[in-house]
């Protein structure tokens, strides 16, 4: 039985923000969300988040996501007096708890669930009072050094400033991630003191009262990197992106220039997808096999079918079915749906519109709040005038109809099947099936007409 406690009370002054540090986003999720989600895979019986600075914002961020964090318990640390003081706040909430307590930091978001599982398994297998996650880092300066015997039993933790020259050479450092047998920790927490230069209560001091204490080295030291400022946040994002992109390439996705591409972790890609440079995939996006995305495209919360191309375009909250060609410079948004084998070309915008299979809108059109049938051809410059200043209205175009260049379709409007609309027409009344619609002024030519010559005075002024 395992409970998880996440330290999330600090402000994070080096972030230069009124937002609590743990609410800053790393990709698609906040730091504390990533820590919570990583811990969820070990199936804890309780999840406690220790909050302090702007506790209301942290609670609101968690509770606003429906049932996802419904079981999270919040524990307030009204004064931030160190990690030991934070865990002391659990004495009441965990009174009578007889399992193990895993202590995580809300600003250490890169820990893999497998690492936490290994820490917990080691702790349980050896019946330790405490087990500490450690890492071998290239540059240990600033970290507390951890010393242990050949059986990984802890012998000493020495703070960086207290290390002798020989001790400073040790590259094993304390990651600040602990697993405790709660009843043992509960007994020693009241003994912690703030007799140090920072006048804080350190959780590491509790380790001195416990036996046995074992260390577990993390395989990849980057997992323990904490975030204290914007530069470290950017570094963590780069590490996360490398993990994600390496994983997709191992699964058969081609990334033409990985360094210029970003992919958020909720995205799902199938084998043989090709992602071109300067392309960004976000949210709950799915891209099916043999599709080619980019260069220079943004896909967010959208479903892309097989054999689709998206070139220099933006697709958000939309569906593109198999064989469609999008772009360059197209914009699909607001729950647009493009049928199979459609062509959505240069500078075409779709908003809350549905296009049937094999329909083309090749250039310079705005199609908003429209239902368009199959095999329809939208002429260049065609727009749906969907807003009357108060309400949005819908335009419906039947199968196999064709609009001309520079058509304005004033909604609400229904255009039937097999209709042709003459170029330059403004259509404001419904059009029946199988006809030609013309709605434009007759061309007038006035022979011998010209602008009057300007006066000399006017010419000088100009």
Protein backbone atom coordinates (compact mmCIF):
# COMPACT_ATOMS: atom_id res chain seq x y z
CA UNK A 1 0.00 0.00 0.00
CA UNK A 2 1.55 3.27 -1.16
CA UNK A 3 0.66 6.91 -0.65
CA UNK A 4 2.27 9.65 -2.73
CA UNK A 5 3.06 13.12 -1.41
CA UNK A 6 4.06 15.87 -3.83
CA UNK A 7 5.86 18.98 -2.58
CA UNK A 8 4.19 21.89 -4.38
CA UNK A 9 4.14 24.75 -1.88
CA UNK A 10 6.92 26.99 -3.18
CA UNK A 11 6.55 30.16 -5.20
CA UNK A 12 9.56 29.70 -7.46
CA UNK A 13 10.88 33.27 -7.33
CA UNK A 14 13.41 32.65 -10.10
CA UNK A 15 10.56 32.01 -12.54
CA UNK A 16 9.76 35.75 -12.24
CA UNK A 17 6.04 35.07 -12.20
CA UNK A 18 3.01 35.37 -9.94
CA UNK A 19 2.00 31.90 -11.09
CA UNK A 20 3.13 29.14 -8.71
CA UNK A 21 6.11 27.36 -10.17
CA UNK A 22 4.37 23.98 -10.32
CA UNK A 23 1.65 25.42 -12.59
CA UNK A 24 4.07 26.44 -15.31
CA UNK A 25 3.58 24.23 -18.36
CA UNK A 26 6.03 21.75 -19.77
CA UNK A 27 4.50 21.05 -23.14
CA UNK A 28 0.84 20.12 -22.82
CA UNK A 29 0.75 19.75 -19.03
CA UNK A 30 1.81 21.68 -15.95
CA UNK A 31 4.78 20.50 -13.91
CA UNK A 32 2.62 19.18 -11.08
CA UNK A 33 0.32 17.39 -13.53
CA UNK A 34 3.29 15.56 -15.01
CA UNK A 35 4.43 14.48 -11.55
CA UNK A 36 0.92 13.33 -10.63
CA UNK A 37 0.46 11.46 -13.90
CA UNK A 38 3.83 9.74 -13.56
CA UNK A 39 3.00 8.60 -10.04
CA UNK A 40 -0.45 7.35 -11.08
CA UNK A 41 1.12 4.37 -12.83
CA UNK A 42 2.23 2.83 -9.51
CA UNK A 43 -1.44 2.87 -8.38
CA UNK A 44 -1.12 4.72 -5.06
CA UNK A 45 -4.02 4.42 -2.64
CA UNK A 46 -3.71 8.13 -1.79
CA UNK A 47 -2.27 11.15 -3.59
CA UNK A 48 -1.54 14.22 -1.48
CA UNK A 49 -0.35 17.56 -2.85
CA UNK A 50 1.25 19.88 -0.32
CA UNK A 51 0.38 23.45 -1.33
CA UNK A 52 1.37 26.86 -0.02
CA UNK A 53 1.95 29.85 -2.28
CA UNK A 54 -1.26 30.67 -4.18
CA UNK A 55 -2.75 27.40 -2.99
CA UNK A 56 -6.09 28.47 -4.44
CA UNK A 57 -4.64 28.50 -7.95
CA UNK A 58 -3.08 25.07 -7.59
CA UNK A 59 -6.33 23.60 -6.27
CA UNK A 60 -8.34 25.28 -9.02
CA UNK A 61 -6.01 23.95 -11.71
CA UNK A 62 -6.49 20.41 -10.43
CA UNK A 63 -10.22 20.51 -9.77
CA UNK A 64 -11.02 22.18 -13.11
CA UNK A 65 -10.09 19.00 -14.98
CA UNK A 66 -13.14 16.96 -14.02
CA UNK A 67 -12.49 13.51 -12.62
CA UNK A 68 -8.86 13.36 -13.65
CA UNK A 69 -7.59 14.54 -10.26
CA UNK A 70 -10.78 14.11 -8.27
CA UNK A 71 -9.09 11.92 -5.65
CA UNK A 72 -6.17 14.28 -5.01
CA UNK A 73 -6.00 15.54 -1.42
CA UNK A 74 -4.61 18.99 -0.69
CA UNK A 75 -2.55 19.67 2.42
CA UNK A 76 -1.64 23.28 3.26
CA UNK A 77 1.81 24.38 4.37
CA UNK A 78 1.08 27.94 5.42
CA UNK A 79 4.78 28.70 6.02
CA UNK A 80 7.45 27.31 3.75
CA UNK A 81 10.05 26.15 6.26
CA UNK A 82 11.71 23.39 4.30
CA UNK A 83 11.04 19.90 3.00
CA UNK A 84 10.93 18.35 6.47
CA UNK A 85 8.37 20.91 7.59
CA UNK A 86 6.27 20.14 4.50
CA UNK A 87 6.16 16.42 5.30
CA UNK A 88 5.36 17.23 8.94
CA UNK A 89 2.05 18.58 7.62
CA UNK A 90 1.11 14.97 6.78
CA UNK A 91 1.14 13.79 10.40
CA UNK A 92 -2.57 14.45 10.74
CA UNK A 93 -3.83 13.41 7.26
CA UNK A 94 -1.84 10.14 7.36
CA UNK A 95 -2.51 9.29 10.99
CA UNK A 96 -3.07 5.54 11.16
CA UNK A 97 -1.70 4.87 7.66
CA UNK A 98 0.33 1.65 7.60
CA UNK A 99 1.89 1.66 4.14
CA UNK A 100 4.82 3.33 2.39
CA UNK A 101 5.07 7.01 1.52
CA UNK A 102 6.66 8.09 -1.79
CA UNK A 103 7.81 11.72 -1.64
CA UNK A 104 8.10 13.57 -4.96
CA UNK A 105 8.83 17.16 -5.93
CA UNK A 106 6.31 19.13 -7.97
CA UNK A 107 9.12 20.75 -9.96
CA UNK A 108 10.84 17.49 -11.03
CA UNK A 109 8.63 16.44 -13.95
CA UNK A 110 10.89 14.13 -15.98
CA UNK A 111 10.90 11.05 -13.75
CA UNK A 112 9.81 7.97 -15.67
CA UNK A 113 7.15 5.76 -14.07
CA UNK A 114 9.54 2.81 -14.47
CA UNK A 115 12.07 4.60 -12.25
CA UNK A 116 9.48 5.13 -9.51
CA UNK A 117 8.44 1.49 -9.81
CA UNK A 118 12.04 0.32 -9.38
CA UNK A 119 12.50 2.59 -6.36
CA UNK A 120 9.34 1.20 -4.76
CA UNK A 121 10.19 -2.43 -5.54
CA UNK A 122 13.68 -2.05 -4.04
CA UNK A 123 12.18 -0.44 -0.94
CA UNK A 124 9.66 -3.25 -0.47
CA UNK A 125 11.99 -6.12 -1.34
CA UNK A 126 14.57 -5.12 1.28
CA UNK A 127 12.01 -3.95 3.86
CA UNK A 128 13.84 -0.63 4.14
CA UNK A 129 12.88 2.12 6.53
CA UNK A 130 13.79 4.53 3.72
CA UNK A 131 15.04 4.28 0.16
CA UNK A 132 16.59 7.27 -1.60
CA UNK A 133 16.74 7.88 -5.34
CA UNK A 134 20.24 8.94 -6.37
CA UNK A 135 21.95 9.81 -9.62
CA UNK A 136 25.45 9.82 -11.03
CA UNK A 137 25.74 13.29 -12.59
CA UNK A 138 28.55 14.73 -14.74
CA UNK A 139 28.79 17.88 -12.63
CA UNK A 140 27.67 17.33 -9.02
CA UNK A 141 28.41 20.86 -7.84
CA UNK A 142 25.54 22.21 -5.76
CA UNK A 143 24.11 18.78 -4.93
CA UNK A 144 24.36 16.90 -1.66
CA UNK A 145 26.71 13.93 -2.09
CA UNK A 146 25.50 10.45 -1.16
CA UNK A 147 27.88 7.81 0.19
CA UNK A 148 26.98 4.14 0.54
CA UNK A 149 28.63 0.75 0.92
CA UNK A 150 28.91 -2.01 -1.64
CA UNK A 151 25.36 -3.14 -0.89
CA UNK A 152 23.96 0.35 -1.58
CA UNK A 153 23.27 0.89 2.12
CA UNK A 154 23.47 4.60 2.90
CA UNK A 155 26.38 5.62 5.09
CA UNK A 156 26.36 9.41 4.78
CA UNK A 157 24.85 12.43 3.02
CA UNK A 158 27.12 15.47 2.87
CA UNK A 159 25.91 18.86 1.65
CA UNK A 160 27.95 20.36 -1.16
CA UNK A 161 29.28 23.23 0.94
CA UNK A 162 30.47 20.79 3.62
CA UNK A 163 32.34 18.40 1.31
CA UNK A 164 36.06 17.86 1.65
CA UNK A 165 38.02 17.98 -1.61
CA UNK A 166 37.93 14.17 -1.75
CA UNK A 167 34.20 14.00 -1.01
CA UNK A 168 33.50 16.61 -3.66
CA UNK A 169 34.78 14.18 -6.29
CA UNK A 170 31.85 11.84 -5.61
CA UNK A 171 29.32 12.14 -8.45
CA UNK A 172 26.46 10.30 -6.70
CA UNK A 173 23.95 12.91 -5.59
CA UNK A 174 20.67 13.00 -3.74
CA UNK A 175 17.73 13.38 -6.14
CA UNK A 176 15.35 14.50 -3.39
CA UNK A 177 13.00 11.57 -4.13
CA UNK A 178 12.31 9.26 -1.18
CA UNK A 179 10.30 6.20 -0.26
CA UNK A 180 9.63 5.83 3.48
CA UNK A 181 7.97 3.26 5.66
CA UNK A 182 5.43 5.74 6.97
CA UNK A 183 5.22 4.46 10.53
CA UNK A 184 9.00 4.82 10.91
CA UNK A 185 9.01 8.29 9.40
CA UNK A 186 5.97 9.34 11.43
CA UNK A 187 7.88 8.51 14.64
CA UNK A 188 10.91 10.68 13.79
CA UNK A 189 9.29 13.70 12.12
CA UNK A 190 8.67 15.50 15.44
CA UNK A 191 12.41 15.25 16.17
CA UNK A 192 13.45 17.46 13.23
CA UNK A 193 15.02 20.80 14.10
CA UNK A 194 15.87 23.94 12.17
CA UNK A 195 19.34 24.25 13.64
CA UNK A 196 21.06 25.17 10.36
CA UNK A 197 22.05 28.23 8.37
CA UNK A 198 18.75 28.28 6.48
CA UNK A 199 16.71 27.77 9.67
CA UNK A 200 14.64 25.16 7.83
CA UNK A 201 13.54 21.61 8.59
CA UNK A 202 15.22 19.21 6.17
CA UNK A 203 13.77 15.86 5.21
CA UNK A 204 17.30 14.52 4.80
CA UNK A 205 17.74 14.91 8.56
CA UNK A 206 14.97 12.35 9.09
CA UNK A 207 17.11 9.80 7.26
CA UNK A 208 19.69 9.97 10.06
CA UNK A 209 17.12 8.50 12.48
CA UNK A 210 16.13 5.60 10.19
CA UNK A 211 17.65 2.19 9.53
CA UNK A 212 18.15 0.55 7.10
CA UNK A 213 18.33 3.18 4.37
CA UNK A 214 19.21 2.12 0.83
CA UNK A 215 20.04 4.06 -2.34
CA UNK A 216 18.84 3.39 -5.90
CA UNK A 217 20.65 5.01 -8.83
CA UNK A 218 18.48 6.32 -11.66
CA UNK A 219 19.59 5.11 -15.09
CA UNK A 220 19.37 8.54 -16.72
CA UNK A 221 20.42 11.44 -14.51
CA UNK A 222 18.32 13.86 -16.59
CA UNK A 223 15.22 12.37 -14.97
CA UNK A 224 16.03 14.11 -11.68
CA UNK A 225 16.57 17.59 -13.11
CA UNK A 226 14.49 20.17 -11.26
CA UNK A 227 13.09 23.38 -12.69
CA UNK A 228 13.82 26.67 -10.98
CA UNK A 229 13.87 29.17 -13.82
CA UNK A 230 12.79 29.63 -17.43
CA UNK A 231 16.08 28.36 -18.83
CA UNK A 232 15.74 25.10 -16.93
CA UNK A 233 12.13 24.86 -18.12
CA UNK A 234 13.36 25.13 -21.71
CA UNK A 235 16.05 22.52 -21.04
CA UNK A 236 13.45 20.13 -19.65
CA UNK A 237 11.25 20.69 -22.69
CA UNK A 238 14.16 19.77 -24.96
CA UNK A 239 14.74 16.55 -23.00
CA UNK A 240 11.05 15.69 -23.16
CA UNK A 241 10.92 16.34 -26.89
CA UNK A 242 13.96 14.15 -27.51
CA UNK A 243 12.27 11.29 -25.64
CA UNK A 244 9.01 11.67 -27.57
CA UNK A 245 10.63 11.97 -30.99
CA UNK A 246 13.06 9.11 -30.40
CA UNK A 247 10.10 6.93 -29.43
CA UNK A 248 8.12 7.77 -32.57
CA UNK A 249 11.10 7.23 -34.85
CA UNK A 250 11.61 3.82 -33.21
CA UNK A 251 7.97 3.04 -34.10
CA UNK A 252 8.44 3.76 -37.80
CA UNK A 253 7.67 7.49 -38.10
CA UNK A 254 9.99 9.58 -40.27
CA UNK A 255 11.03 12.96 -38.86
CA UNK A 256 12.92 14.83 -41.57
CA UNK A 257 14.56 17.32 -39.20
CA UNK A 258 13.80 16.34 -35.58
CA UNK A 259 15.41 19.46 -34.10
CA UNK A 260 12.89 21.73 -35.82
CA UNK A 261 9.82 19.58 -35.02
CA UNK A 262 7.79 19.51 -31.78
CA UNK A 263 5.36 16.75 -30.82
CA UNK A 264 3.29 16.82 -27.64
CA UNK A 265 2.88 13.56 -25.75
CA UNK A 266 -0.89 13.07 -26.33
CA UNK A 267 -0.26 12.94 -30.12
CA UNK A 268 -0.60 9.52 -31.79
CA UNK A 269 1.20 8.71 -35.05
CA UNK A 270 1.04 5.58 -37.17
CA UNK A 271 3.96 3.94 -38.96
CA UNK A 272 5.10 5.46 -42.26
CA UNK A 273 3.89 8.95 -41.37
CA UNK A 274 6.37 11.60 -42.54
CA UNK A 275 6.77 14.83 -40.57
CA UNK A 276 8.55 17.60 -42.44
CA UNK A 277 10.68 20.36 -40.83
CA UNK A 278 9.13 23.22 -38.84
CA UNK A 279 6.00 21.23 -38.08
CA UNK A 280 4.29 21.18 -34.67
CA UNK A 281 1.82 18.55 -33.47
CA UNK A 282 -0.23 19.33 -30.38
CA UNK A 283 -3.08 18.07 -28.24
CA UNK A 284 -5.17 14.97 -28.96
CA UNK A 285 -4.00 14.69 -32.56
CA UNK A 286 -4.04 11.42 -34.53
CA UNK A 287 -2.25 11.04 -37.87
CA UNK A 288 -2.76 7.84 -39.84
CA UNK A 289 -0.29 5.95 -41.97
CA UNK A 290 1.40 7.32 -45.09
CA UNK A 291 0.34 10.89 -44.42
CA UNK A 292 2.86 13.68 -44.94
CA UNK A 293 2.65 16.73 -42.70
CA UNK A 294 4.57 19.93 -43.38
CA UNK A 295 6.86 21.59 -43.81
CA UNK A 296 5.72 24.54 -41.75
CA UNK A 297 2.43 23.14 -40.44
CA UNK A 298 0.57 23.17 -37.11
CA UNK A 299 -1.87 20.36 -36.30
CA UNK A 300 -3.76 20.59 -33.00
CA UNK A 301 -6.51 18.38 -31.58
CA UNK A 302 -7.28 16.99 -35.04
CA UNK A 303 -7.67 13.65 -36.79
CA UNK A 304 -5.80 13.18 -40.05
CA UNK A 305 -6.59 10.16 -42.23
CA UNK A 306 -4.35 8.01 -44.41
CA UNK A 307 -2.37 9.42 -47.36
CA UNK A 308 -3.14 13.03 -46.45
CA UNK A 309 -0.77 15.90 -47.22
CA UNK A 310 -0.77 19.10 -45.21
CA UNK A 311 1.60 21.76 -46.55
CA UNK A 312 2.32 25.09 -44.78
CA UNK A 313 -1.10 25.01 -43.12
CA UNK A 314 -2.88 25.16 -39.74
CA UNK A 315 -5.44 22.54 -38.72
CA UNK A 316 -7.13 22.81 -35.31
CA UNK A 317 -10.07 20.88 -33.83
CA UNK A 318 -10.84 19.37 -37.23
CA UNK A 319 -11.03 16.12 -39.21
CA UNK A 320 -9.32 15.45 -42.55
CA UNK A 321 -10.18 12.15 -44.20
CA UNK A 322 -8.00 9.90 -46.31
CA UNK A 323 -6.39 11.15 -49.51
CA UNK A 324 -7.12 14.83 -48.93
CA UNK A 325 -4.60 17.52 -49.86
CA UNK A 326 -4.40 20.59 -47.63
CA UNK A 327 -2.47 23.77 -48.42
CA UNK A 328 -0.32 25.57 -48.91
CA UNK A 329 -1.52 28.28 -46.50
CA UNK A 330 -4.90 26.77 -45.66
CA UNK A 331 -6.57 27.18 -42.26
CA UNK A 332 -9.03 24.60 -40.89
CA UNK A 333 -10.62 25.37 -37.54
CA UNK A 334 -13.73 25.21 -35.43
CA UNK A 335 -14.67 21.58 -36.14
CA UNK A 336 -14.15 21.58 -39.88
CA UNK A 337 -14.48 18.20 -41.58
CA UNK A 338 -12.90 17.51 -44.95
CA UNK A 339 -14.00 14.40 -46.85
CA UNK A 340 -11.85 11.86 -48.63
CA UNK A 341 -9.79 12.96 -51.67
CA UNK A 342 -10.67 16.65 -51.25
CA UNK A 343 -8.41 19.50 -52.26
CA UNK A 344 -8.21 22.50 -49.93
CA UNK A 345 -5.72 24.87 -51.49
CA UNK A 346 -4.02 28.22 -51.26
CA UNK A 347 -5.42 30.66 -48.69
CA UNK A 348 -8.64 28.75 -48.07
CA UNK A 349 -10.21 28.96 -44.60
CA UNK A 350 -12.77 26.48 -43.31
CA UNK A 351 -14.67 27.09 -40.06
CA UNK A 352 -17.32 24.75 -38.67
CA UNK A 353 -17.92 23.36 -42.15
CA UNK A 354 -18.32 19.88 -43.60
CA UNK A 355 -17.11 19.00 -47.11
CA UNK A 356 -18.12 15.77 -48.83
CA UNK A 357 -15.72 13.47 -50.65
CA UNK A 358 -13.87 14.71 -53.75
CA UNK A 359 -14.87 18.33 -53.17
CA UNK A 360 -12.35 21.04 -54.10
CA UNK A 361 -11.78 24.54 -52.80
CA UNK A 362 -8.49 25.37 -54.42
CA UNK A 363 -7.84 29.01 -53.62
CA UNK A 364 -8.82 32.24 -51.87
CA UNK A 365 -12.08 31.17 -50.22
CA UNK A 366 -13.75 31.43 -46.83
CA UNK A 367 -16.27 28.69 -46.06
CA UNK A 368 -17.80 29.21 -42.63
CA UNK A 369 -20.80 27.36 -41.17
CA UNK A 370 -21.34 25.44 -44.39
CA UNK A 371 -22.47 21.94 -45.35
CA UNK A 372 -21.05 21.12 -48.79
CA UNK A 373 -21.80 17.92 -50.68
CA UNK A 374 -19.64 15.57 -52.72
CA UNK A 375 -17.79 16.50 -55.92
CA UNK A 376 -18.49 20.22 -55.42
CA UNK A 377 -16.09 22.74 -56.93
CA UNK A 378 -15.68 26.01 -55.07
CA UNK A 379 -14.43 28.76 -57.37
CA UNK A 380 -11.64 31.08 -56.28
CA UNK A 381 -12.79 33.96 -54.10
CA UNK A 382 -16.06 32.31 -53.04
CA UNK A 383 -17.14 33.19 -49.50
CA UNK A 384 -20.05 32.29 -47.29
CA UNK A 385 -21.43 35.43 -45.64
CA UNK A 386 -22.50 33.60 -42.50
CA UNK A 387 -22.89 36.43 -39.95
CA UNK A 388 -25.69 38.98 -39.99
CA UNK A 389 -24.29 41.01 -37.10
CA UNK A 390 -26.23 39.06 -34.48
CA UNK A 391 -26.31 35.37 -35.40
CA UNK A 392 -24.35 32.88 -37.50
CA UNK A 393 -26.29 31.20 -40.33
CA UNK A 394 -25.61 28.08 -42.36
CA UNK A 395 -25.04 27.58 -46.08
CA UNK A 396 -25.82 24.24 -47.74
CA UNK A 397 -24.50 23.29 -51.20
CA UNK A 398 -25.67 20.08 -52.87
CA UNK A 399 -23.63 17.42 -54.65
CA UNK A 400 -21.79 18.23 -57.90
CA UNK A 401 -22.55 21.95 -57.77
CA UNK A 402 -20.04 24.59 -58.87
CA UNK A 403 -19.55 28.12 -57.66
CA UNK A 404 -17.88 30.75 -59.85
CA UNK A 405 -15.03 33.04 -58.97
CA UNK A 406 -15.85 35.83 -56.53
CA UNK A 407 -19.21 34.45 -55.44
CA UNK A 408 -20.77 35.73 -52.22
CA UNK A 409 -23.24 33.28 -50.70
CA UNK A 410 -25.41 35.08 -48.14
CA UNK A 411 -26.67 32.71 -45.45
CA UNK A 412 -29.06 31.26 -44.54
CA UNK A 413 -28.96 29.71 -47.97
CA UNK A 414 -29.56 26.36 -49.65
CA UNK A 415 -28.10 25.62 -53.07
CA UNK A 416 -29.31 22.41 -54.71
CA UNK A 417 -27.51 19.65 -56.55
CA UNK A 418 -25.93 20.06 -60.01
CA UNK A 419 -26.10 23.87 -59.77
CA UNK A 420 -23.72 26.25 -61.50
CA UNK A 421 -23.32 29.78 -60.18
CA UNK A 422 -22.01 32.43 -62.57
CA UNK A 423 -18.83 34.30 -61.74
CA UNK A 424 -19.23 37.46 -59.71
CA UNK A 425 -22.69 36.54 -58.41
CA UNK A 426 -24.06 37.42 -55.00
CA UNK A 427 -26.60 34.75 -54.09
CA UNK A 428 -29.13 35.56 -51.36
CA UNK A 429 -32.06 33.29 -52.29
CA UNK A 430 -32.25 29.50 -52.37
CA UNK A 431 -31.33 27.85 -55.68
CA UNK A 432 -33.11 24.65 -56.83
CA UNK A 433 -31.45 21.57 -58.35
CA UNK A 434 -30.01 21.44 -61.86
CA UNK A 435 -29.86 25.09 -62.93
CA UNK A 436 -27.63 28.11 -63.60
CA UNK A 437 -27.84 30.98 -61.12
CA UNK A 438 -26.76 34.52 -62.15
CA UNK A 439 -26.98 37.40 -59.71
CA UNK A 440 -24.96 40.37 -60.88
CA UNK A 441 -25.56 43.76 -62.49
CA UNK A 442 -25.47 43.95 -66.27
CA UNK A 443 -22.25 45.49 -67.61
CA UNK A 444 -22.73 49.04 -68.92
CA UNK A 445 -20.34 50.84 -71.28
CA UNK A 446 -20.60 54.61 -71.75
CA UNK A 447 -18.64 55.72 -74.83
CA UNK A 448 -16.74 59.00 -74.70
CA UNK A 449 -16.86 59.23 -70.90
CA UNK A 450 -13.80 60.30 -68.98
CA UNK A 451 -12.83 61.97 -65.73
CA UNK A 452 -12.85 65.75 -65.85
CA UNK A 453 -9.41 67.34 -66.07
CA UNK A 454 -8.06 68.73 -62.81
CA UNK A 455 -7.64 72.48 -62.37
CA UNK A 456 -4.12 73.84 -62.56
CA UNK A 457 -4.35 74.92 -58.94
CA UNK A 458 -5.44 71.46 -57.93
CA UNK A 459 -2.55 69.94 -59.89
CA UNK A 460 -0.03 72.12 -58.10
CA UNK A 461 -1.44 71.18 -54.70
CA UNK A 462 -1.23 67.53 -55.53
